[in-house]
């Protein structure tokens, strides 16, 4: 039977089970939280990002979740520097041109700070003279550091990035560092 789990990856955790980094300075990895042989991440989430990761022991399901050709939507809560106006949000909605080409159109809206949001360790360094706000951004592709590059391209650098949803699966009720099993989708169903 296929195994599918969701994990709330904390900040500063590598999205892999081993650390091939600098000898003598080990970094936290998925293996510090998940001791399940045979499951592998379905996609990545940068070390400095937090939130939902899906892991599975089924290669076909892993590909359906992570391959951009399937256009599975991913929703992020993004704390940005400054207060983006409607014209800036429209630029994100229309797609932003990055060094590797234009992004697909995105769903974006301003949101209140997410309810029940855990503190980040270490905390975000905020400047008293520069306001910040939260936006919800939904994309259907997955380029390297895409959300951070998109917000920077419109003049609002990302301060904190939390992936809240992948397709139909969300972080709801899952604290940082915790994981649980999910019912896998039927073989022919879209995840």
N, C-alpha and C. Protein backbone atom coordinates (compact mmCIF):
# COMPACT_ATOMS: atom_id res chain seq x y z
N UNK A 1 0.85 -1.20 0.00
CA UNK A 1 0.00 0.00 0.00
C UNK A 1 0.88 1.25 0.00
N UNK A 2 0.47 2.24 -0.76
CA UNK A 2 1.22 3.49 -0.87
C UNK A 2 1.19 4.25 0.44
N UNK A 3 2.35 4.80 0.80
CA UNK A 3 2.44 5.63 2.00
C UNK A 3 2.61 7.08 1.56
N UNK A 4 1.82 7.96 2.13
CA UNK A 4 1.90 9.39 1.88
C UNK A 4 1.86 10.09 3.23
N UNK A 5 2.84 10.93 3.50
CA UNK A 5 2.82 11.68 4.76
C UNK A 5 2.98 13.16 4.47
N UNK A 6 2.49 13.96 5.40
CA UNK A 6 2.71 15.40 5.34
C UNK A 6 3.59 15.77 6.53
N UNK A 7 4.46 16.73 6.31
CA UNK A 7 5.42 17.16 7.31
C UNK A 7 5.45 18.67 7.32
N UNK A 8 5.47 19.27 8.51
CA UNK A 8 5.60 20.71 8.65
C UNK A 8 7.07 21.00 8.91
N UNK A 9 7.79 21.32 7.83
CA UNK A 9 9.24 21.54 7.93
C UNK A 9 9.54 22.86 8.63
N UNK A 10 10.31 22.81 9.72
CA UNK A 10 10.71 24.05 10.38
C UNK A 10 11.76 24.80 9.57
N UNK A 11 11.96 26.04 9.92
CA UNK A 11 13.02 26.87 9.35
C UNK A 11 14.37 26.23 9.64
N UNK A 12 15.31 26.38 8.72
CA UNK A 12 16.69 25.92 8.87
C UNK A 12 16.84 24.40 8.91
N UNK A 13 15.93 23.70 8.24
CA UNK A 13 16.02 22.24 8.10
C UNK A 13 16.19 21.95 6.62
N UNK A 14 17.19 21.13 6.28
CA UNK A 14 17.39 20.74 4.88
C UNK A 14 16.25 19.82 4.43
N UNK A 15 15.75 19.98 3.21
CA UNK A 15 14.62 19.17 2.73
C UNK A 15 15.06 17.81 2.18
N UNK A 16 15.99 17.17 2.85
CA UNK A 16 16.53 15.88 2.45
C UNK A 16 16.91 15.11 3.71
N UNK A 17 17.22 13.83 3.55
CA UNK A 17 17.50 13.00 4.72
C UNK A 17 18.96 13.00 5.15
N UNK A 18 19.87 13.45 4.29
CA UNK A 18 21.29 13.48 4.67
C UNK A 18 21.85 14.87 4.39
N UNK A 19 22.95 15.19 5.07
CA UNK A 19 23.62 16.46 4.90
C UNK A 19 24.99 16.20 4.30
N UNK A 20 25.15 16.62 3.07
CA UNK A 20 26.45 16.46 2.42
C UNK A 20 27.23 17.78 2.47
N UNK A 21 26.95 18.59 3.46
CA UNK A 21 27.58 19.90 3.58
C UNK A 21 28.94 19.83 4.23
N UNK A 22 29.27 20.88 4.90
CA UNK A 22 30.58 21.03 5.52
C UNK A 22 30.76 20.02 6.65
N UNK A 23 31.85 19.26 6.58
CA UNK A 23 32.16 18.28 7.64
C UNK A 23 32.36 19.02 8.95
N UNK A 24 31.86 18.43 10.02
CA UNK A 24 32.03 19.02 11.34
C UNK A 24 30.99 20.04 11.72
N UNK A 25 30.13 20.44 10.78
CA UNK A 25 29.06 21.36 11.15
C UNK A 25 27.75 20.81 10.59
N UNK A 26 27.24 19.77 11.23
CA UNK A 26 26.02 19.14 10.73
C UNK A 26 24.82 20.08 10.81
N UNK A 27 23.99 19.97 9.80
CA UNK A 27 22.75 20.74 9.76
C UNK A 27 21.58 19.79 9.95
N UNK A 28 20.48 20.31 10.45
CA UNK A 28 19.31 19.47 10.64
C UNK A 28 18.74 19.07 9.29
N UNK A 29 18.26 17.84 9.21
CA UNK A 29 17.68 17.29 7.99
C UNK A 29 16.35 16.64 8.32
N UNK A 30 15.68 16.10 7.31
CA UNK A 30 14.42 15.39 7.53
C UNK A 30 14.60 14.22 8.50
N UNK A 31 15.79 13.60 8.49
CA UNK A 31 16.01 12.44 9.37
C UNK A 31 16.00 12.81 10.85
N UNK A 32 16.12 14.09 11.18
CA UNK A 32 16.00 14.52 12.57
C UNK A 32 14.55 14.49 13.04
N UNK A 33 13.62 14.37 12.10
CA UNK A 33 12.20 14.40 12.43
C UNK A 33 11.44 13.16 11.99
N UNK A 34 11.89 12.53 10.90
CA UNK A 34 11.15 11.43 10.29
C UNK A 34 12.04 10.20 10.21
N UNK A 35 11.62 9.12 10.85
CA UNK A 35 12.38 7.87 10.81
C UNK A 35 11.53 6.80 10.13
N UNK A 36 11.37 6.97 8.81
CA UNK A 36 10.57 6.05 8.01
C UNK A 36 11.37 5.63 6.80
N UNK A 37 11.91 4.43 6.79
CA UNK A 37 12.66 4.00 5.61
C UNK A 37 11.75 3.93 4.38
N UNK A 38 12.30 4.35 3.24
CA UNK A 38 11.58 4.18 1.98
C UNK A 38 10.71 5.32 1.54
N UNK A 39 10.56 6.38 2.34
CA UNK A 39 9.78 7.54 1.88
C UNK A 39 10.74 8.63 1.44
N UNK A 40 10.31 9.35 0.40
CA UNK A 40 11.16 10.40 -0.16
C UNK A 40 10.32 11.64 -0.42
N UNK A 41 10.94 12.83 -0.36
CA UNK A 41 10.19 14.06 -0.59
C UNK A 41 9.63 14.13 -2.01
N UNK A 42 8.41 14.62 -2.11
CA UNK A 42 7.78 14.90 -3.40
C UNK A 42 7.92 16.41 -3.60
N UNK A 43 9.09 16.83 -4.06
CA UNK A 43 9.39 18.24 -4.22
C UNK A 43 10.30 18.72 -3.10
N UNK A 44 10.70 19.95 -3.22
CA UNK A 44 11.65 20.51 -2.26
C UNK A 44 11.05 21.76 -1.62
N UNK A 45 11.68 22.17 -0.55
CA UNK A 45 11.33 23.41 0.13
C UNK A 45 12.64 23.93 0.70
N UNK A 46 13.05 25.11 0.29
CA UNK A 46 14.35 25.64 0.69
C UNK A 46 14.58 25.56 2.19
N UNK A 47 15.84 25.48 2.55
CA UNK A 47 16.24 25.41 3.97
C UNK A 47 15.68 26.59 4.76
N UNK A 48 15.62 27.78 4.14
CA UNK A 48 15.15 28.96 4.86
C UNK A 48 13.65 29.20 4.70
N UNK A 49 12.94 28.22 4.16
CA UNK A 49 11.48 28.28 4.08
C UNK A 49 10.89 27.26 5.03
N UNK A 50 9.63 27.45 5.37
CA UNK A 50 8.94 26.57 6.33
C UNK A 50 7.70 26.00 5.68
N UNK A 51 7.13 25.00 6.34
CA UNK A 51 5.82 24.57 5.93
C UNK A 51 5.73 23.19 5.34
N UNK A 52 4.67 23.00 4.56
CA UNK A 52 4.24 21.70 4.10
C UNK A 52 5.20 21.05 3.12
N UNK A 53 5.59 19.83 3.45
CA UNK A 53 6.27 18.93 2.53
C UNK A 53 5.48 17.64 2.51
N UNK A 54 5.39 17.02 1.34
CA UNK A 54 4.77 15.71 1.21
C UNK A 54 5.88 14.71 0.91
N UNK A 55 5.79 13.53 1.53
CA UNK A 55 6.75 12.46 1.30
C UNK A 55 5.97 11.19 1.00
N UNK A 56 6.53 10.37 0.11
CA UNK A 56 5.83 9.14 -0.28
C UNK A 56 6.84 8.06 -0.63
N UNK A 57 6.37 6.82 -0.64
CA UNK A 57 7.19 5.69 -1.08
C UNK A 57 6.81 5.26 -2.49
N UNK A 58 5.95 6.03 -3.16
CA UNK A 58 5.46 5.71 -4.50
C UNK A 58 6.06 6.70 -5.51
N UNK A 59 6.94 6.21 -6.37
CA UNK A 59 7.61 7.06 -7.33
C UNK A 59 6.68 7.77 -8.29
N UNK A 60 5.61 7.08 -8.72
CA UNK A 60 4.66 7.71 -9.64
C UNK A 60 3.90 8.85 -8.95
N UNK A 61 3.51 8.64 -7.70
CA UNK A 61 2.83 9.69 -6.95
C UNK A 61 3.79 10.85 -6.69
N UNK A 62 5.01 10.53 -6.36
CA UNK A 62 6.03 11.56 -6.14
C UNK A 62 6.16 12.45 -7.38
N UNK A 63 6.21 11.84 -8.55
CA UNK A 63 6.32 12.60 -9.80
C UNK A 63 5.07 13.44 -10.07
N UNK A 64 3.89 12.88 -9.82
CA UNK A 64 2.65 13.64 -10.06
C UNK A 64 2.57 14.87 -9.17
N UNK A 65 3.09 14.75 -7.94
CA UNK A 65 3.05 15.88 -7.00
C UNK A 65 4.10 16.93 -7.36
N UNK A 66 5.30 16.51 -7.71
CA UNK A 66 6.41 17.45 -7.83
C UNK A 66 6.68 17.95 -9.25
N UNK A 67 6.28 17.24 -10.26
CA UNK A 67 6.63 17.63 -11.63
C UNK A 67 5.78 18.81 -12.07
N UNK A 68 6.42 19.94 -12.48
CA UNK A 68 5.67 21.12 -12.90
C UNK A 68 4.72 20.88 -14.07
N UNK A 69 4.94 19.83 -14.86
CA UNK A 69 4.03 19.56 -15.99
C UNK A 69 2.61 19.27 -15.51
N UNK A 70 2.46 18.81 -14.27
CA UNK A 70 1.14 18.51 -13.74
C UNK A 70 0.43 19.74 -13.19
N UNK A 71 1.16 20.85 -13.09
CA UNK A 71 0.59 22.14 -12.68
C UNK A 71 -0.17 22.07 -11.37
N UNK A 72 0.32 21.27 -10.42
CA UNK A 72 -0.33 21.21 -9.12
C UNK A 72 -0.10 22.53 -8.38
N UNK A 73 -1.17 23.14 -7.93
CA UNK A 73 -1.04 24.43 -7.26
C UNK A 73 -0.42 24.28 -5.87
N UNK A 74 0.41 25.26 -5.55
CA UNK A 74 1.04 25.35 -4.23
C UNK A 74 0.75 26.74 -3.70
N UNK A 75 0.27 26.80 -2.46
CA UNK A 75 -0.10 28.08 -1.85
C UNK A 75 0.85 28.38 -0.70
N UNK A 76 1.33 29.63 -0.70
CA UNK A 76 2.31 30.08 0.29
C UNK A 76 1.76 31.27 1.05
N UNK A 77 2.11 31.35 2.33
CA UNK A 77 1.92 32.55 3.12
C UNK A 77 3.26 33.25 3.10
N UNK A 78 3.26 34.51 2.66
CA UNK A 78 4.51 35.23 2.47
C UNK A 78 4.47 36.55 3.23
N UNK A 79 5.40 36.70 4.16
CA UNK A 79 5.57 37.97 4.84
C UNK A 79 6.57 38.77 4.02
N UNK A 80 6.14 39.94 3.54
CA UNK A 80 7.00 40.75 2.68
C UNK A 80 7.31 42.08 3.33
N UNK A 81 8.43 42.62 2.92
CA UNK A 81 8.81 43.95 3.36
C UNK A 81 8.00 44.97 2.57
N UNK A 82 7.48 45.96 3.28
CA UNK A 82 6.68 46.99 2.63
C UNK A 82 5.22 46.59 2.53
N UNK A 83 4.44 47.47 1.92
CA UNK A 83 3.00 47.28 1.76
C UNK A 83 2.66 47.33 0.28
N UNK A 84 2.64 46.17 -0.41
CA UNK A 84 2.36 46.19 -1.84
C UNK A 84 0.97 46.75 -2.15
N UNK A 85 0.92 47.62 -3.15
CA UNK A 85 -0.36 48.20 -3.54
C UNK A 85 -1.05 47.28 -4.57
N UNK A 86 -2.25 47.69 -4.99
CA UNK A 86 -3.01 46.86 -5.93
C UNK A 86 -2.28 46.65 -7.25
N UNK A 87 -1.59 47.67 -7.75
CA UNK A 87 -0.86 47.54 -9.01
C UNK A 87 0.26 46.50 -8.88
N UNK A 88 0.91 46.47 -7.74
CA UNK A 88 1.97 45.49 -7.50
C UNK A 88 1.40 44.08 -7.44
N UNK A 89 0.28 43.92 -6.77
CA UNK A 89 -0.36 42.61 -6.70
C UNK A 89 -0.81 42.17 -8.09
N UNK A 90 -1.28 43.11 -8.90
CA UNK A 90 -1.68 42.79 -10.28
C UNK A 90 -0.48 42.30 -11.10
N UNK A 91 0.69 42.87 -10.86
CA UNK A 91 1.90 42.40 -11.57
C UNK A 91 2.17 40.94 -11.23
N UNK A 92 2.03 40.58 -9.95
CA UNK A 92 2.23 39.18 -9.55
C UNK A 92 1.17 38.30 -10.19
N UNK A 93 -0.07 38.77 -10.22
CA UNK A 93 -1.16 37.99 -10.82
C UNK A 93 -0.92 37.73 -12.30
N UNK A 94 -0.34 38.70 -13.00
CA UNK A 94 -0.13 38.58 -14.44
C UNK A 94 1.09 37.75 -14.80
N UNK A 95 1.97 37.55 -13.85
CA UNK A 95 3.24 36.88 -14.12
C UNK A 95 4.36 37.90 -14.14
N UNK A 96 5.46 37.53 -13.56
CA UNK A 96 6.61 38.42 -13.42
C UNK A 96 7.74 37.87 -14.27
N UNK A 97 8.47 38.74 -14.93
CA UNK A 97 9.62 38.28 -15.72
C UNK A 97 10.84 38.19 -14.82
N UNK A 98 11.39 36.98 -14.72
CA UNK A 98 12.59 36.71 -13.94
C UNK A 98 13.74 36.43 -14.91
N UNK A 99 14.94 36.26 -14.40
CA UNK A 99 16.09 36.00 -15.27
C UNK A 99 15.90 34.75 -16.13
N UNK A 100 15.14 33.77 -15.62
CA UNK A 100 14.91 32.54 -16.40
C UNK A 100 13.57 32.56 -17.14
N UNK A 101 13.03 33.76 -17.35
CA UNK A 101 11.81 33.91 -18.14
C UNK A 101 10.61 34.29 -17.31
N UNK A 102 9.48 34.52 -17.98
CA UNK A 102 8.27 34.93 -17.26
C UNK A 102 7.65 33.77 -16.47
N UNK A 103 7.08 34.13 -15.33
CA UNK A 103 6.36 33.14 -14.53
C UNK A 103 4.94 33.02 -15.06
N UNK A 104 4.29 31.93 -14.71
CA UNK A 104 2.87 31.80 -15.04
C UNK A 104 2.09 32.77 -14.15
N UNK A 105 0.89 33.13 -14.56
CA UNK A 105 0.06 33.96 -13.68
C UNK A 105 -0.12 33.27 -12.32
N UNK A 106 -0.21 34.10 -11.28
CA UNK A 106 -0.33 33.59 -9.91
C UNK A 106 -1.59 34.14 -9.26
N UNK A 107 -2.09 33.40 -8.29
CA UNK A 107 -3.16 33.92 -7.46
C UNK A 107 -2.51 34.65 -6.30
N UNK A 108 -2.98 35.84 -5.99
CA UNK A 108 -2.38 36.60 -4.88
C UNK A 108 -3.44 37.47 -4.22
N UNK A 109 -3.32 37.56 -2.91
CA UNK A 109 -4.19 38.46 -2.14
C UNK A 109 -3.51 38.82 -0.83
N UNK A 110 -3.83 39.99 -0.32
CA UNK A 110 -3.35 40.38 1.01
C UNK A 110 -4.11 39.57 2.05
N UNK A 111 -3.42 39.17 3.11
CA UNK A 111 -4.09 38.44 4.19
C UNK A 111 -3.63 39.02 5.53
N UNK A 112 -4.42 38.77 6.56
CA UNK A 112 -3.98 39.07 7.92
C UNK A 112 -2.91 38.07 8.29
N UNK A 113 -2.08 38.37 9.29
CA UNK A 113 -1.13 37.34 9.73
C UNK A 113 -1.89 36.05 10.00
N UNK A 114 -1.41 34.91 9.49
CA UNK A 114 -2.15 33.66 9.64
C UNK A 114 -2.44 33.32 11.11
N UNK A 115 -3.68 32.93 11.38
CA UNK A 115 -4.09 32.57 12.74
C UNK A 115 -3.31 31.34 13.20
N UNK A 116 -2.89 31.35 14.44
CA UNK A 116 -2.20 30.20 15.01
C UNK A 116 -0.78 30.03 14.51
N UNK A 117 -0.23 31.07 13.88
CA UNK A 117 1.12 30.97 13.33
C UNK A 117 2.14 30.84 14.46
N UNK A 118 3.01 29.87 14.33
CA UNK A 118 4.05 29.62 15.32
C UNK A 118 5.17 30.65 15.16
N UNK A 119 5.90 30.95 16.23
CA UNK A 119 7.04 31.86 16.09
C UNK A 119 8.17 31.18 15.33
N UNK A 120 8.86 31.94 14.53
CA UNK A 120 10.00 31.38 13.82
C UNK A 120 11.25 31.49 14.70
N UNK A 121 12.08 30.46 14.68
CA UNK A 121 13.32 30.45 15.44
C UNK A 121 14.47 30.32 14.44
N UNK A 122 15.35 31.32 14.34
CA UNK A 122 15.31 32.61 15.03
C UNK A 122 14.23 33.51 14.43
N UNK A 123 13.83 34.52 15.20
CA UNK A 123 12.76 35.39 14.71
C UNK A 123 13.20 36.22 13.50
N UNK A 124 12.23 36.71 12.76
CA UNK A 124 12.47 37.61 11.63
C UNK A 124 12.96 38.94 12.21
N UNK A 125 13.99 39.48 11.59
CA UNK A 125 14.45 40.80 12.01
C UNK A 125 13.62 41.86 11.29
N UNK A 126 12.84 42.58 12.05
CA UNK A 126 11.98 43.62 11.48
C UNK A 126 12.59 44.98 11.76
N UNK A 127 12.38 45.90 10.82
CA UNK A 127 12.86 47.27 11.01
C UNK A 127 11.66 48.16 11.35
N UNK A 128 11.81 48.95 12.40
CA UNK A 128 10.71 49.80 12.84
C UNK A 128 10.31 50.82 11.79
N UNK A 129 11.25 51.22 10.94
CA UNK A 129 10.96 52.25 9.94
C UNK A 129 10.37 51.68 8.65
N UNK A 130 10.36 50.34 8.50
CA UNK A 130 9.84 49.72 7.28
C UNK A 130 8.68 48.78 7.65
N UNK A 131 7.47 49.08 7.17
CA UNK A 131 6.35 48.20 7.48
C UNK A 131 6.47 46.87 6.74
N UNK A 132 5.68 45.91 7.17
CA UNK A 132 5.63 44.63 6.47
C UNK A 132 4.18 44.17 6.46
N UNK A 133 3.90 43.18 5.62
CA UNK A 133 2.55 42.62 5.57
C UNK A 133 2.62 41.20 5.05
N UNK A 134 1.49 40.52 5.11
CA UNK A 134 1.38 39.14 4.62
C UNK A 134 0.54 39.10 3.35
N UNK A 135 0.98 38.26 2.42
CA UNK A 135 0.19 37.97 1.24
C UNK A 135 0.09 36.45 1.11
N UNK A 136 -0.95 36.02 0.43
CA UNK A 136 -1.08 34.60 0.07
C UNK A 136 -0.84 34.52 -1.43
N UNK A 137 0.09 33.65 -1.82
CA UNK A 137 0.49 33.54 -3.22
C UNK A 137 0.35 32.09 -3.65
N UNK A 138 -0.37 31.86 -4.75
CA UNK A 138 -0.58 30.50 -5.28
C UNK A 138 0.03 30.42 -6.66
N UNK A 139 0.92 29.43 -6.84
CA UNK A 139 1.58 29.22 -8.13
C UNK A 139 1.37 27.79 -8.59
N UNK A 140 1.58 27.56 -9.88
CA UNK A 140 1.42 26.20 -10.42
C UNK A 140 2.70 25.74 -11.13
N UNK A 141 3.80 26.29 -10.71
CA UNK A 141 5.11 25.87 -11.19
C UNK A 141 6.04 25.86 -9.99
N UNK A 142 7.25 25.48 -10.16
CA UNK A 142 8.13 25.37 -9.00
C UNK A 142 9.59 25.62 -9.34
N UNK A 143 9.89 26.83 -9.76
CA UNK A 143 11.28 27.17 -10.05
C UNK A 143 12.06 27.39 -8.75
N UNK A 144 13.36 27.31 -8.87
CA UNK A 144 14.22 27.50 -7.71
C UNK A 144 13.98 28.89 -7.10
N UNK A 145 13.64 28.90 -5.83
CA UNK A 145 13.42 30.13 -5.04
C UNK A 145 12.46 31.10 -5.73
N UNK A 146 11.46 30.56 -6.40
CA UNK A 146 10.56 31.35 -7.24
C UNK A 146 9.81 32.44 -6.47
N UNK A 147 9.20 32.08 -5.35
CA UNK A 147 8.40 33.07 -4.61
C UNK A 147 9.29 34.23 -4.17
N UNK A 148 10.45 33.93 -3.63
CA UNK A 148 11.37 34.99 -3.18
C UNK A 148 11.79 35.88 -4.35
N UNK A 149 12.04 35.27 -5.50
CA UNK A 149 12.45 36.06 -6.66
C UNK A 149 11.29 36.90 -7.19
N UNK A 150 10.07 36.37 -7.13
CA UNK A 150 8.91 37.12 -7.61
C UNK A 150 8.66 38.35 -6.73
N UNK A 151 8.67 38.17 -5.42
CA UNK A 151 8.39 39.32 -4.55
C UNK A 151 9.50 40.35 -4.64
N UNK A 152 10.75 39.90 -4.78
CA UNK A 152 11.87 40.84 -4.94
C UNK A 152 11.73 41.62 -6.25
N UNK A 153 11.28 40.94 -7.31
CA UNK A 153 11.14 41.59 -8.62
C UNK A 153 10.12 42.72 -8.61
N UNK A 154 9.15 42.66 -7.69
CA UNK A 154 8.15 43.73 -7.60
C UNK A 154 8.45 44.69 -6.45
N UNK A 155 9.66 44.58 -5.88
CA UNK A 155 10.10 45.54 -4.86
C UNK A 155 9.70 45.25 -3.44
N UNK A 156 9.29 44.01 -3.15
CA UNK A 156 8.87 43.64 -1.79
C UNK A 156 9.54 42.33 -1.38
N UNK A 157 10.79 42.41 -0.91
CA UNK A 157 11.52 41.19 -0.56
C UNK A 157 10.78 40.35 0.49
N UNK A 158 10.93 39.04 0.34
CA UNK A 158 10.32 38.10 1.27
C UNK A 158 11.09 38.08 2.58
N UNK A 159 10.36 38.19 3.69
CA UNK A 159 10.95 38.09 5.02
C UNK A 159 10.76 36.69 5.59
N UNK A 160 9.59 36.11 5.35
CA UNK A 160 9.26 34.77 5.86
C UNK A 160 8.38 34.09 4.82
N UNK A 161 8.64 32.80 4.61
CA UNK A 161 7.92 32.05 3.58
C UNK A 161 7.46 30.71 4.14
N UNK A 162 6.15 30.49 4.10
CA UNK A 162 5.56 29.27 4.63
C UNK A 162 4.66 28.65 3.55
N UNK A 163 4.99 27.41 3.15
CA UNK A 163 4.10 26.73 2.20
C UNK A 163 2.95 26.15 3.01
N UNK A 164 1.75 26.59 2.66
CA UNK A 164 0.55 26.20 3.40
C UNK A 164 -0.20 25.04 2.73
N UNK A 165 -0.13 24.95 1.40
CA UNK A 165 -0.94 23.96 0.70
C UNK A 165 -0.21 23.46 -0.53
N UNK A 166 -0.37 22.16 -0.81
CA UNK A 166 0.05 21.54 -2.07
C UNK A 166 -1.17 20.79 -2.57
N UNK A 167 -1.73 21.23 -3.72
CA UNK A 167 -2.94 20.59 -4.22
C UNK A 167 -4.04 20.63 -3.17
N UNK A 168 -4.57 19.47 -2.82
CA UNK A 168 -5.66 19.43 -1.84
C UNK A 168 -5.17 19.26 -0.41
N UNK A 169 -3.86 19.10 -0.21
CA UNK A 169 -3.32 18.86 1.13
C UNK A 169 -2.81 20.16 1.74
N UNK A 170 -3.08 20.35 3.05
CA UNK A 170 -2.65 21.58 3.72
C UNK A 170 -1.97 21.26 5.05
N UNK A 171 -1.44 22.31 5.64
CA UNK A 171 -0.78 22.23 6.95
C UNK A 171 -1.77 22.18 8.11
N UNK A 172 -3.02 22.40 7.87
CA UNK A 172 -4.01 22.58 8.92
C UNK A 172 -3.80 21.62 10.10
N UNK A 173 -3.61 22.21 11.28
CA UNK A 173 -3.51 21.44 12.52
C UNK A 173 -2.20 20.71 12.74
N UNK A 174 -1.19 20.95 11.92
CA UNK A 174 0.08 20.23 12.05
C UNK A 174 1.16 21.19 12.54
N UNK A 175 1.66 21.00 13.77
CA UNK A 175 2.67 21.92 14.30
C UNK A 175 4.03 21.71 13.64
N UNK A 176 4.92 22.70 13.72
CA UNK A 176 6.25 22.58 13.11
C UNK A 176 7.00 21.36 13.66
N UNK A 177 7.66 20.65 12.77
CA UNK A 177 8.43 19.47 13.15
C UNK A 177 7.62 18.20 13.26
N UNK A 178 6.30 18.29 13.09
CA UNK A 178 5.42 17.11 13.20
C UNK A 178 5.07 16.58 11.81
N UNK A 179 4.72 15.31 11.78
CA UNK A 179 4.26 14.69 10.54
C UNK A 179 3.12 13.74 10.86
N UNK A 180 2.32 13.42 9.85
CA UNK A 180 1.27 12.41 10.01
C UNK A 180 0.99 11.76 8.66
N UNK A 181 0.30 10.64 8.71
CA UNK A 181 -0.06 9.91 7.49
C UNK A 181 -1.29 10.52 6.85
N UNK A 182 -1.33 10.49 5.53
CA UNK A 182 -2.48 10.94 4.75
C UNK A 182 -2.99 9.78 3.93
N UNK A 183 -4.29 9.76 3.64
CA UNK A 183 -4.75 8.74 2.70
C UNK A 183 -4.25 9.11 1.30
N UNK A 184 -3.59 8.18 0.63
CA UNK A 184 -3.11 8.50 -0.72
C UNK A 184 -4.28 8.59 -1.69
N UNK A 185 -4.09 9.35 -2.78
CA UNK A 185 -5.17 9.43 -3.77
C UNK A 185 -5.32 8.09 -4.48
N UNK A 186 -6.50 7.86 -5.02
CA UNK A 186 -6.71 6.67 -5.83
C UNK A 186 -5.75 6.72 -7.00
N UNK A 187 -5.35 5.58 -7.50
CA UNK A 187 -4.37 5.47 -8.59
C UNK A 187 -4.67 6.38 -9.77
N UNK A 188 -5.91 6.41 -10.22
CA UNK A 188 -6.25 7.21 -11.40
C UNK A 188 -6.65 8.63 -11.10
N UNK A 189 -6.86 8.95 -9.82
CA UNK A 189 -7.34 10.29 -9.45
C UNK A 189 -6.20 11.30 -9.48
N UNK A 190 -6.55 12.53 -9.76
CA UNK A 190 -5.58 13.62 -9.72
C UNK A 190 -5.34 14.00 -8.25
N UNK A 191 -4.05 14.08 -7.83
CA UNK A 191 -3.76 14.43 -6.42
C UNK A 191 -4.18 15.83 -6.08
